[in-house]
Protein backbone atom coordinates (compact mmCIF):
# COMPACT_ATOMS: atom_id res chain seq x y z
CA MET A 1 149.57 63.29 143.34
CA THR A 2 152.52 61.02 142.70
CA ASP A 3 153.75 61.02 139.13
CA THR A 4 157.36 61.22 137.98
CA THR A 5 156.31 62.16 134.42
CA TYR A 6 156.80 65.91 134.28
CA PRO A 7 154.81 68.01 131.82
CA GLU A 8 156.20 70.50 129.35
CA VAL A 9 153.74 73.07 130.69
CA LEU A 10 152.25 73.37 134.17
CA VAL A 11 148.96 75.26 134.36
CA VAL A 12 147.98 76.58 137.79
CA GLY A 13 144.21 76.98 138.03
CA GLY A 14 141.56 74.67 136.63
CA GLY A 15 138.83 77.15 135.76
CA SER A 16 137.76 78.05 132.24
CA VAL A 17 141.05 79.74 131.34
CA GLY A 18 143.26 77.01 132.77
CA LEU A 19 141.26 74.23 131.13
CA SER A 20 141.24 76.14 127.83
CA ALA A 21 145.02 76.47 128.05
CA ALA A 22 145.29 72.72 128.61
CA LEU A 23 143.02 72.03 125.63
CA PHE A 24 144.89 74.38 123.28
CA LEU A 25 148.29 73.09 124.37
CA ALA A 26 147.20 69.47 123.96
CA HIS A 27 145.86 70.34 120.51
CA HIS A 28 149.37 71.53 119.61
CA GLY A 29 150.94 68.37 121.00
CA VAL A 30 152.29 69.89 124.23
CA SER A 31 152.14 67.75 127.38
CA THR A 32 150.30 69.62 130.10
CA LEU A 33 149.38 69.25 133.76
CA VAL A 34 146.69 71.40 135.38
CA VAL A 35 146.66 71.73 139.17
CA GLU A 36 143.50 73.07 140.80
CA ARG A 37 142.91 73.67 144.50
CA ARG A 38 139.18 72.85 144.29
CA ASP A 39 138.00 69.26 144.35
CA SER A 40 136.16 69.40 141.01
CA VAL A 41 134.78 71.65 138.31
CA SER A 42 132.66 74.38 139.89
CA VAL A 43 128.90 73.89 139.65
CA HIS A 44 128.35 77.65 140.08
CA PRO A 45 128.50 79.47 136.72
CA ARG A 46 130.18 82.85 137.03
CA ALA A 47 129.43 83.79 133.41
CA THR A 48 127.05 82.82 130.63
CA GLY A 49 128.24 84.91 127.68
CA ILE A 50 130.62 83.14 125.29
CA GLY A 51 131.70 85.51 122.51
CA PRO A 52 132.15 84.66 118.83
CA ARG A 53 135.96 84.88 118.89
CA THR A 54 136.08 82.41 121.78
CA LEU A 55 133.85 80.05 119.86
CA GLU A 56 136.25 80.29 116.92
CA PHE A 57 139.06 79.03 119.16
CA PHE A 58 137.03 75.94 120.04
CA ARG A 59 135.99 75.42 116.41
CA GLU A 60 139.68 75.42 115.50
CA VAL A 61 140.49 72.59 117.92
CA GLY A 62 137.39 70.54 117.09
CA SER A 63 135.44 71.18 120.29
CA PHE A 64 132.72 73.52 119.05
CA ASP A 65 130.10 70.81 118.48
CA ALA A 66 130.57 69.50 122.02
CA LEU A 67 130.03 72.99 123.39
CA ALA A 68 127.03 73.69 121.17
CA ALA A 69 125.41 70.49 122.42
CA GLN A 70 125.50 71.89 125.96
CA ALA A 71 124.08 75.32 125.05
CA VAL A 72 120.45 76.16 125.67
CA ASP A 73 118.61 76.15 122.36
CA MET A 74 116.62 79.38 122.35
CA GLY A 75 115.35 78.85 118.83
CA GLY A 76 116.42 82.34 117.80
CA ARG A 77 114.03 83.90 120.34
CA ASN A 78 116.52 85.39 122.81
CA LEU A 79 115.18 88.73 124.08
CA GLY A 80 118.58 89.60 125.52
CA LYS A 81 118.26 91.96 128.49
CA VAL A 82 114.75 92.58 129.86
CA TYR A 83 113.41 94.82 132.62
CA GLY A 84 110.51 94.22 135.00
CA THR A 85 109.21 94.49 138.56
CA THR A 86 108.75 90.82 139.45
CA LEU A 87 108.94 87.91 137.03
CA MET A 88 105.27 87.10 137.62
CA GLU A 89 104.17 90.64 136.76
CA THR A 90 106.36 90.92 133.65
CA ASP A 91 104.67 90.03 130.38
CA LEU A 92 107.75 88.95 128.44
CA THR A 93 105.83 88.81 125.18
CA ALA A 94 104.51 92.34 125.60
CA THR A 95 107.89 93.73 126.68
CA SER A 96 109.82 92.11 123.83
CA HIS A 97 109.75 95.37 121.88
CA ALA A 98 111.64 97.03 124.73
CA ALA A 99 114.17 94.24 125.22
CA THR A 100 117.79 94.78 124.29
CA PRO A 101 118.97 91.84 122.15
CA PRO A 102 122.49 90.37 122.37
CA ILE A 103 125.08 92.72 120.91
CA THR A 104 126.16 90.04 118.43
CA ALA A 105 122.64 89.64 117.01
CA LYS A 106 123.30 91.62 113.80
CA PHE A 107 126.85 90.45 113.15
CA ASP A 108 126.44 86.83 112.11
CA ASP A 109 128.42 87.47 108.92
CA ILE A 110 131.69 88.27 110.71
CA SER A 111 132.16 84.78 112.20
CA PRO A 112 131.36 81.18 111.28
CA CYS A 113 130.40 80.48 114.91
CA LYS A 114 127.13 80.97 116.73
CA LEU A 115 125.61 79.11 119.64
CA PRO A 116 121.88 78.39 119.69
CA GLY A 117 121.64 80.13 123.05
CA THR A 118 123.22 80.57 126.46
CA LEU A 119 126.15 78.41 127.58
CA ALA A 120 126.73 78.66 131.32
CA GLN A 121 130.31 78.54 132.54
CA ASN A 122 129.87 75.34 134.55
CA ARG A 123 128.74 73.55 131.39
CA LEU A 124 131.62 75.11 129.47
CA ASP A 125 134.12 73.89 132.05
CA ALA A 126 132.74 70.35 132.02
CA VAL A 127 133.21 70.18 128.25
CA LEU A 128 136.69 71.71 128.44
CA LEU A 129 137.75 69.15 131.04
CA ALA A 130 136.52 66.27 128.89
CA GLU A 131 138.04 67.67 125.71
CA ALA A 132 141.42 68.47 127.27
CA THR A 133 141.83 65.11 129.02
CA ARG A 134 140.68 63.24 125.91
CA ARG A 135 143.64 64.80 124.12
CA GLY A 136 146.09 63.79 126.84
CA ALA A 137 146.18 66.71 129.26
CA ARG A 138 146.21 65.77 132.95
CA VAL A 139 144.19 67.56 135.61
CA SER A 140 144.91 67.21 139.33
CA TYR A 141 142.16 68.48 141.63
CA GLY A 142 142.71 69.18 145.30
CA SER A 143 146.28 70.40 144.66
CA THR A 144 147.46 73.82 145.82
CA VAL A 145 150.69 75.46 144.69
CA THR A 146 152.66 76.76 147.67
CA GLY A 147 155.87 77.86 145.98
CA VAL A 148 157.26 78.71 142.56
CA ALA A 149 160.91 78.93 141.48
CA GLN A 150 162.50 79.07 138.06
CA ASP A 151 165.87 78.88 136.39
CA ALA A 152 167.20 79.03 132.85
CA GLU A 153 165.80 75.61 131.96
CA GLY A 154 162.38 75.53 133.56
CA VAL A 155 160.00 76.17 136.44
CA THR A 156 159.57 74.19 139.66
CA ALA A 157 156.32 74.36 141.60
CA THR A 158 155.90 73.03 145.12
CA LEU A 159 152.49 71.63 146.08
CA ASP A 160 150.81 71.52 149.47
CA SER A 161 151.42 67.77 149.50
CA GLY A 162 155.16 68.46 149.57
CA GLU A 163 155.64 67.18 146.03
CA THR A 164 157.29 69.24 143.32
CA VAL A 165 156.43 69.54 139.66
CA ARG A 166 159.06 70.48 137.12
CA ALA A 167 157.99 71.96 133.76
CA ARG A 168 159.53 73.93 130.92
CA TYR A 169 156.91 76.68 131.28
CA LEU A 170 154.19 77.70 133.72
CA ILE A 171 150.85 79.40 133.02
CA ALA A 172 149.20 81.03 136.03
CA ALA A 173 145.43 81.06 135.62
CA ASP A 174 144.73 81.16 139.34
CA GLY A 175 142.40 84.13 139.49
CA VAL A 176 142.14 87.68 140.77
CA ARG A 177 144.12 86.97 143.95
CA SER A 178 146.77 84.96 142.07
CA PHE A 179 149.31 83.33 144.37
CA VAL A 180 151.69 82.79 141.45
CA ARG A 181 151.53 86.47 140.50
CA GLU A 182 152.56 87.36 144.04
CA GLN A 183 155.37 84.78 143.97
CA LEU A 184 156.67 86.34 140.75
CA GLY A 185 156.65 89.79 142.34
CA ILE A 186 154.30 91.27 139.75
CA GLY A 187 152.31 94.29 140.92
CA ILE A 188 148.86 95.38 139.84
CA THR A 189 147.27 98.72 138.98
CA GLY A 190 143.70 99.83 138.54
CA PRO A 191 140.74 100.87 140.66
CA GLY A 192 140.48 97.48 142.40
CA PRO A 193 137.12 96.53 143.96
CA LEU A 194 134.19 98.39 142.40
CA GLY A 195 130.78 99.13 143.83
CA ALA A 196 129.13 97.24 146.64
CA PRO A 197 129.63 93.54 147.39
CA MET A 198 127.03 91.26 145.83
CA THR A 199 125.71 87.74 146.17
CA SER A 200 125.19 85.26 143.36
CA THR A 201 122.78 82.45 144.21
CA LEU A 202 122.50 79.36 142.04
CA PHE A 203 119.08 77.82 142.48
CA ARG A 204 116.81 75.24 140.93
CA ALA A 205 113.12 75.92 140.35
CA ASP A 206 110.53 75.51 137.63
CA LEU A 207 109.96 79.04 136.36
CA THR A 208 108.26 78.09 133.09
CA PRO A 209 104.81 79.08 134.43
CA TYR A 210 106.16 82.65 134.63
CA THR A 211 108.37 82.78 131.54
CA LYS A 212 105.69 81.12 129.37
CA GLY A 213 108.20 79.94 126.80
CA ALA A 214 110.07 83.25 126.47
CA TRP A 215 113.86 83.24 126.49
CA PHE A 216 116.12 85.97 127.79
CA ALA A 217 119.71 86.37 128.93
CA THR A 218 118.96 88.48 132.01
CA ILE A 219 116.02 90.31 133.54
CA ASN A 220 116.50 93.24 135.91
CA LEU A 221 113.86 93.12 138.64
CA ASP A 222 113.08 95.36 141.60
CA ASN A 223 115.29 93.48 144.05
CA GLY A 224 117.97 91.97 141.82
CA MET A 225 118.84 90.38 138.49
CA LEU A 226 117.75 86.96 137.29
CA VAL A 227 120.06 85.16 134.87
CA MET A 228 118.98 82.25 132.70
CA VAL A 229 121.20 79.17 132.97
CA ASP A 230 119.20 76.43 131.24
CA GLY A 231 115.91 78.22 130.65
CA SER A 232 113.75 75.96 132.76
CA ARG A 233 115.11 74.82 136.11
CA ASP A 234 118.58 76.27 136.77
CA TRP A 235 118.94 80.00 137.42
CA ILE A 236 121.25 82.59 138.96
CA PHE A 237 119.97 85.45 141.08
CA HIS A 238 122.21 88.45 141.79
CA THR A 239 121.43 90.74 144.70
CA ARG A 240 123.22 93.44 146.65
CA ASP A 241 122.30 91.75 149.91
CA VAL A 242 125.30 89.94 151.39
CA ASP A 243 126.00 87.23 153.97
CA LEU A 244 122.80 85.46 153.01
CA THR A 245 121.75 82.16 154.52
CA PRO A 246 120.06 79.68 152.16
CA GLU A 247 116.72 80.62 153.72
CA GLN A 248 117.30 84.33 153.17
CA ALA A 249 118.45 83.73 149.61
CA ALA A 250 115.31 81.69 148.94
CA ALA A 251 113.14 84.52 150.30
CA GLN A 252 114.90 86.99 148.00
CA ILE A 253 114.28 84.76 144.99
CA ARG A 254 110.59 84.27 145.84
CA ALA A 255 110.22 88.05 146.10
CA ALA A 256 111.90 88.51 142.72
CA VAL A 257 109.62 85.95 141.09
CA GLY A 258 106.57 87.30 142.92
CA ASP A 259 105.45 83.97 144.32
CA ASP A 260 105.83 83.39 148.06
CA ALA A 261 104.95 79.72 147.61
CA LEU A 262 107.56 78.98 144.91
CA GLU A 263 109.32 75.68 145.49
CA LEU A 264 113.06 76.04 144.96
CA GLU A 265 116.40 74.53 145.91
CA VAL A 266 119.35 76.77 146.73
CA ARG A 267 122.37 74.96 145.32
CA SER A 268 125.21 77.43 145.87
CA ILE A 269 125.76 80.92 147.27
CA LEU A 270 128.76 82.88 146.03
CA PRO A 271 129.73 86.31 147.39
CA TRP A 272 131.40 88.45 144.76
CA ARG A 273 132.38 92.01 143.94
CA PRO A 274 133.25 93.61 140.59
CA CYS A 275 136.93 94.40 140.24
CA GLY A 276 139.12 96.32 137.84
CA GLN A 277 142.86 95.63 137.84
CA LEU A 278 145.75 95.00 135.46
CA ALA A 279 149.02 93.20 136.15
CA ASP A 280 152.13 95.30 135.56
CA ARG A 281 153.62 92.44 133.59
CA PHE A 282 152.14 89.35 131.96
CA ALA A 283 155.34 87.29 132.08
CA VAL A 284 158.49 86.78 134.11
CA GLY A 285 161.01 84.39 132.62
CA ARG A 286 159.23 81.12 131.88
CA ALA A 287 156.07 81.97 133.82
CA PHE A 288 153.05 83.67 132.25
CA LEU A 289 149.85 85.16 133.65
CA ALA A 290 146.50 84.51 131.96
CA GLY A 291 142.87 85.35 132.66
CA ASP A 292 141.99 87.08 135.92
CA ALA A 293 145.55 86.59 137.18
CA ALA A 294 146.61 89.01 134.44
CA ARG A 295 143.60 91.30 134.48
CA ALA A 296 140.17 91.50 136.08
CA VAL A 297 137.33 93.42 134.45
CA PRO A 298 133.78 94.24 135.55
CA PRO A 299 131.16 91.87 134.11
CA LEU A 300 129.11 94.13 131.83
CA GLY A 301 130.12 93.32 128.27
CA GLY A 302 131.14 89.73 128.94
CA PHE A 303 134.81 90.57 128.34
CA GLY A 304 136.49 88.85 131.29
CA LEU A 305 136.02 85.16 130.51
CA ASN A 306 136.47 85.69 126.78
CA THR A 307 139.68 87.72 127.01
CA GLY A 308 141.10 85.20 129.47
CA ILE A 309 140.54 82.35 127.03
CA ALA A 310 142.09 84.51 124.30
CA ASP A 311 145.21 84.77 126.48
CA ALA A 312 145.46 80.99 126.60
CA HIS A 313 144.94 80.69 122.85
CA ASN A 314 147.58 83.30 122.04
CA LEU A 315 150.14 81.63 124.28
CA ALA A 316 149.58 77.96 123.39
CA TRP A 317 150.77 78.00 119.77
CA LYS A 318 153.77 80.14 120.63
CA ILE A 319 154.91 77.79 123.37
CA ALA A 320 154.44 74.82 121.03
CA LEU A 321 156.58 76.33 118.25
CA VAL A 322 159.34 77.34 120.65
CA LEU A 323 159.37 73.91 122.30
CA ARG A 324 159.89 72.14 119.00
CA GLY A 325 162.47 74.63 117.72
CA ALA A 326 160.37 76.08 114.92
CA ALA A 327 160.52 79.56 116.44
CA GLY A 328 163.03 81.56 118.44
CA PRO A 329 162.38 81.95 122.18
CA GLN A 330 161.77 85.67 121.66
CA LEU A 331 158.41 84.72 120.15
CA LEU A 332 157.21 84.23 123.73
CA ASP A 333 157.96 87.90 124.45
CA THR A 334 155.17 88.80 122.05
CA TYR A 335 152.60 87.28 124.42
CA GLU A 336 152.89 90.27 126.75
CA SER A 337 153.37 92.83 123.99
CA GLU A 338 150.18 91.61 122.30
CA ARG A 339 147.87 90.64 125.14
CA ARG A 340 148.63 93.32 127.74
CA PRO A 341 147.64 96.30 125.54
CA VAL A 342 144.44 94.47 124.59
CA ALA A 343 143.79 93.79 128.27
CA ALA A 344 144.37 97.44 129.21
CA TRP A 345 141.96 98.62 126.50
CA THR A 346 139.39 96.00 127.47
CA LEU A 347 139.58 97.07 131.11
CA ASP A 348 139.01 100.69 130.09
CA GLN A 349 136.01 99.62 128.01
CA ALA A 350 134.54 97.60 130.86
CA LEU A 351 134.99 100.49 133.30
CA LEU A 352 133.22 102.85 130.90
CA ARG A 353 130.29 100.45 130.84
CA GLY A 354 130.09 100.67 134.61
CA VAL A 355 129.58 104.43 134.31
CA HIS A 356 127.31 104.28 131.24
CA PRO A 357 125.67 100.82 131.34
CA LYS A 358 122.79 101.54 128.97
CA LEU A 359 125.16 102.62 126.17
CA HIS A 360 126.50 99.07 125.91
CA TRP A 361 123.12 97.82 124.71
CA MET A 362 122.26 100.65 122.30
CA SER A 363 122.22 99.73 118.61
CA GLY A 364 122.41 101.54 115.29
CA PRO A 365 123.95 104.94 114.47
CA GLU A 366 122.39 106.51 117.57
CA GLY A 367 124.20 104.00 119.78
CA ASP A 368 127.49 104.53 117.95
CA ARG A 369 127.23 108.30 118.40
CA ALA A 370 126.38 108.00 122.09
CA ARG A 371 129.28 105.63 122.73
CA ALA A 372 131.70 107.75 120.72
CA ALA A 373 130.87 110.74 122.90
CA VAL A 374 132.27 108.95 125.97
CA GLY A 375 135.03 106.92 124.24
CA MET A 376 133.18 103.60 124.34
CA ALA A 377 133.66 101.06 121.53
CA HIS A 378 130.96 98.72 120.28
CA GLY A 379 131.01 95.46 122.22
CA VAL A 380 131.60 93.36 119.12
CA VAL A 381 134.71 95.44 118.32
CA VAL A 382 136.03 94.72 121.81
CA HIS A 383 135.36 91.00 121.37
CA VAL A 384 136.66 90.54 117.80
CA GLY A 385 138.05 93.79 116.40
CA TYR A 386 141.16 94.27 118.55
CA ARG A 387 144.57 94.28 116.88
CA TYR A 388 148.10 93.20 117.74
CA ASP A 389 151.31 95.15 117.31
CA SER A 390 154.43 93.13 118.12
CA ALA A 391 157.52 91.50 116.67
CA ALA A 392 155.23 88.71 115.47
CA ILE A 393 153.39 91.13 113.15
CA VAL A 394 155.06 92.83 110.18
CA ASP A 395 153.89 96.43 109.74
CA SER A 396 150.83 96.28 111.98
CA LYS A 397 148.04 98.70 111.15
CA GLU A 398 146.01 100.57 113.76
CA ARG A 399 142.37 99.67 114.31
CA PRO A 400 140.40 102.03 112.03
CA SER A 401 137.11 102.09 113.93
CA ASP A 402 135.68 101.65 117.41
CA HIS A 403 132.21 101.09 115.97
CA ASP A 404 132.41 99.34 112.58
CA ILE A 405 133.61 95.78 113.14
CA ARG A 406 133.72 95.04 109.43
CA ALA A 407 136.12 97.95 108.86
CA ASN A 408 138.46 96.42 111.42
CA LEU A 409 138.43 92.99 109.77
CA ASP A 410 139.91 94.32 106.54
CA GLY A 411 142.85 91.97 106.02
CA SER A 412 145.44 94.29 107.56
CA PRO A 413 148.42 92.92 109.49
CA GLY A 414 147.56 92.65 113.17
CA SER A 415 143.87 91.93 112.60
CA ARG A 416 141.94 88.69 112.71
CA LEU A 417 141.54 87.11 109.27
CA PRO A 418 138.22 88.07 107.65
CA HIS A 419 135.63 85.31 107.65
CA LEU A 420 134.41 84.31 104.19
CA TRP A 421 132.61 81.12 103.25
CA VAL A 422 134.83 79.33 100.72
CA ALA A 423 132.79 76.12 100.46
CA ASP A 424 129.74 74.59 102.09
CA GLY A 425 130.34 74.99 105.83
CA VAL A 426 134.01 75.93 105.34
CA SER A 427 135.26 79.35 106.43
CA THR A 428 138.52 81.05 105.60
CA LEU A 429 139.28 80.59 109.31
CA ASP A 430 138.98 76.82 108.87
CA LEU A 431 141.72 76.88 106.22
CA ILE A 432 144.36 77.85 108.78
CA GLN A 433 144.27 74.53 110.70
CA SER A 434 146.48 75.91 113.51
CA ARG A 435 149.39 76.39 111.09
CA PHE A 436 151.15 79.26 109.39
CA THR A 437 149.21 79.66 106.16
CA VAL A 438 149.54 81.66 102.96
CA LEU A 439 146.28 82.85 101.41
CA ALA A 440 146.46 84.18 97.87
CA GLY A 441 144.08 85.19 95.10
CA PRO A 442 142.85 82.94 92.28
CA ASN A 443 145.98 83.61 90.19
CA GLY A 444 148.38 83.09 93.06
CA ASP A 445 150.18 79.96 91.85
CA ALA A 446 153.58 81.53 92.56
CA TRP A 447 152.55 82.13 96.17
CA LEU A 448 151.48 78.52 96.57
CA ARG A 449 154.83 77.29 95.24
CA ALA A 450 156.73 79.59 97.59
CA ALA A 451 154.63 78.45 100.53
CA ASP A 452 155.25 74.82 99.66
CA ASP A 453 159.00 75.45 99.53
CA LEU A 454 158.79 76.82 103.07
CA GLY A 455 156.65 73.97 104.35
CA LEU A 456 153.61 76.20 104.82
CA ASN A 457 149.93 75.57 104.37
CA ALA A 458 148.53 77.52 101.36
CA HIS A 459 145.20 78.21 99.64
CA GLN A 460 143.80 80.37 96.88
CA VAL A 461 140.74 82.33 98.02
CA PRO A 462 138.87 84.46 95.47
CA GLY A 463 137.79 87.86 96.75
CA LEU A 464 140.08 87.96 99.76
CA VAL A 465 143.07 89.88 98.33
CA PRO A 466 144.04 91.35 94.94
CA ASP A 467 145.64 88.86 92.54
CA ASN A 468 149.16 90.17 93.13
CA GLU A 469 148.93 90.03 96.95
CA ALA A 470 148.94 87.38 99.61
CA LEU A 471 148.46 87.09 103.35
CA LEU A 472 150.69 85.24 105.79
CA VAL A 473 148.33 84.13 108.55
CA ARG A 474 149.50 82.89 111.94
CA PRO A 475 148.19 79.71 113.60
CA ASP A 476 145.81 81.86 115.68
CA ALA A 477 144.21 83.28 112.48
CA PHE A 478 145.79 86.72 112.93
CA ILE A 479 147.39 88.23 109.86
CA ALA A 480 151.15 88.40 110.33
CA TRP A 481 152.09 89.98 107.00
CA ARG A 482 150.57 91.20 103.75
CA GLY A 483 152.69 91.60 100.65
CA ASN A 484 152.87 91.67 96.88
CA ASP A 485 156.36 90.23 96.34
CA VAL A 486 156.81 86.48 96.64
CA GLU A 487 160.50 86.99 97.38
CA ASP A 488 159.60 88.71 100.68
CA LEU A 489 157.64 85.79 102.11
CA GLU A 490 160.54 83.91 103.69
CA THR A 491 161.96 87.06 105.28
CA ALA A 492 158.55 87.89 106.73
CA LEU A 493 158.16 84.37 108.14
CA ASP A 494 161.58 84.49 109.79
CA GLN A 495 160.78 87.85 111.35
CA VAL A 496 157.44 86.69 112.72
CA LEU A 497 159.00 83.57 114.19
CA THR A 498 161.85 85.64 115.65
CA ARG A 499 164.49 83.50 113.99
CA SER A 500 167.45 84.57 111.88
CA ALA A 501 167.79 81.48 109.69
CA ALA A 502 165.72 78.66 108.29
CA ALA A 503 164.15 76.40 110.92
CA PRO A 504 161.72 73.48 110.84
CA ALA A 505 158.37 74.22 109.17
CA ALA A 506 155.87 75.88 111.47
């Protein structure tokens, strides 16, 4: 890689989190280079569950339709998690009453975003690569970072080619065994590897004669778990058997299906092991950790990929505002103070699910009571109902419930803006447009004038707040401040942007 044009941000790691960071930064007008040691986007999907909050990020930057086009259209018939002996012996129609549907199934009203079905991570990454590069981000495959140094003005990374890359900031999204994290001297805590090693096999076979048109996310069988990738020919099979040859993996899959004559192609075999760990810090100087480099969580709940992308989203707008002088550099300190507590709580929630896996899928008041007894929050609360408490939030309020997502999305500072439809196909979240925004009631003309004076986006939204109140919403759709005195708006904005005097409009 020979290029004398240095980026403003260097992203190390070209997986889902790194590519999301590149997309979000490019959306905010920040020049970005991603370096990835692999030769291309991975064909092996490590995850298939994309949460509603993650989809909102991609809706914000105009990439949701491209993602939805790559999702498997289940026609609203997703059985969620199913149990059986072999796939051939399992009557999916008859067992539908015992299936556990996706945890988001009854919460469509909290978000404007919903996929028609499963979106495997390899498809996600292919879209992210196209969307990020279309907006000007550069991605260099086959490049490994071998050294990292920083000074008061920026970060310098040395590559295995001997070249160096100079950037204002660095985002390390290079996974559980992050080289950059080690270079920064950041330690980790947590239980580490969990349970026995496992094998994930990506294979191609026509399983429609056995599924008979039924759709599911996963099915637990006698000798492993089958995961739907595209619903017809591409599948993942997880087993506790390790060091499998392609022939052994194929035999395992045939046993799981119940057909010794099944024709299949083993495309990829990936050893893996659940892990629980948390970095002691999420930032050192101008370098930041994101995704599995910052925290690793066990897979049940689908929290890992989604919280990693949330890291990238939280960081991108802050870097952009600091780079263009609209915010003080201390705004970047709020990345760790916001994301690390969320990561610690998410790790705890994921670990609880390892001990009590069935509680994750339970619904209704009975499920809430059972989870409350062991300190487990509803999965949708973990995905969407977390709150921030930092210098970039004025008078943050604690999360009121671990079980009622709607109670958490109440318009309080520190929470994600409530979703309301304000016009055909237009959500309150769409009004933010990646900018600081004032949202007032129908008689909030004074708020709109004050917002205009400060160069802010502003809208009147009936039913969101009382007539005398308004919300100051950050570019990431989190509520930064709620007040009833127009004169306090400018002070609140300066506090959130960690600046002491007027600066360019955010």
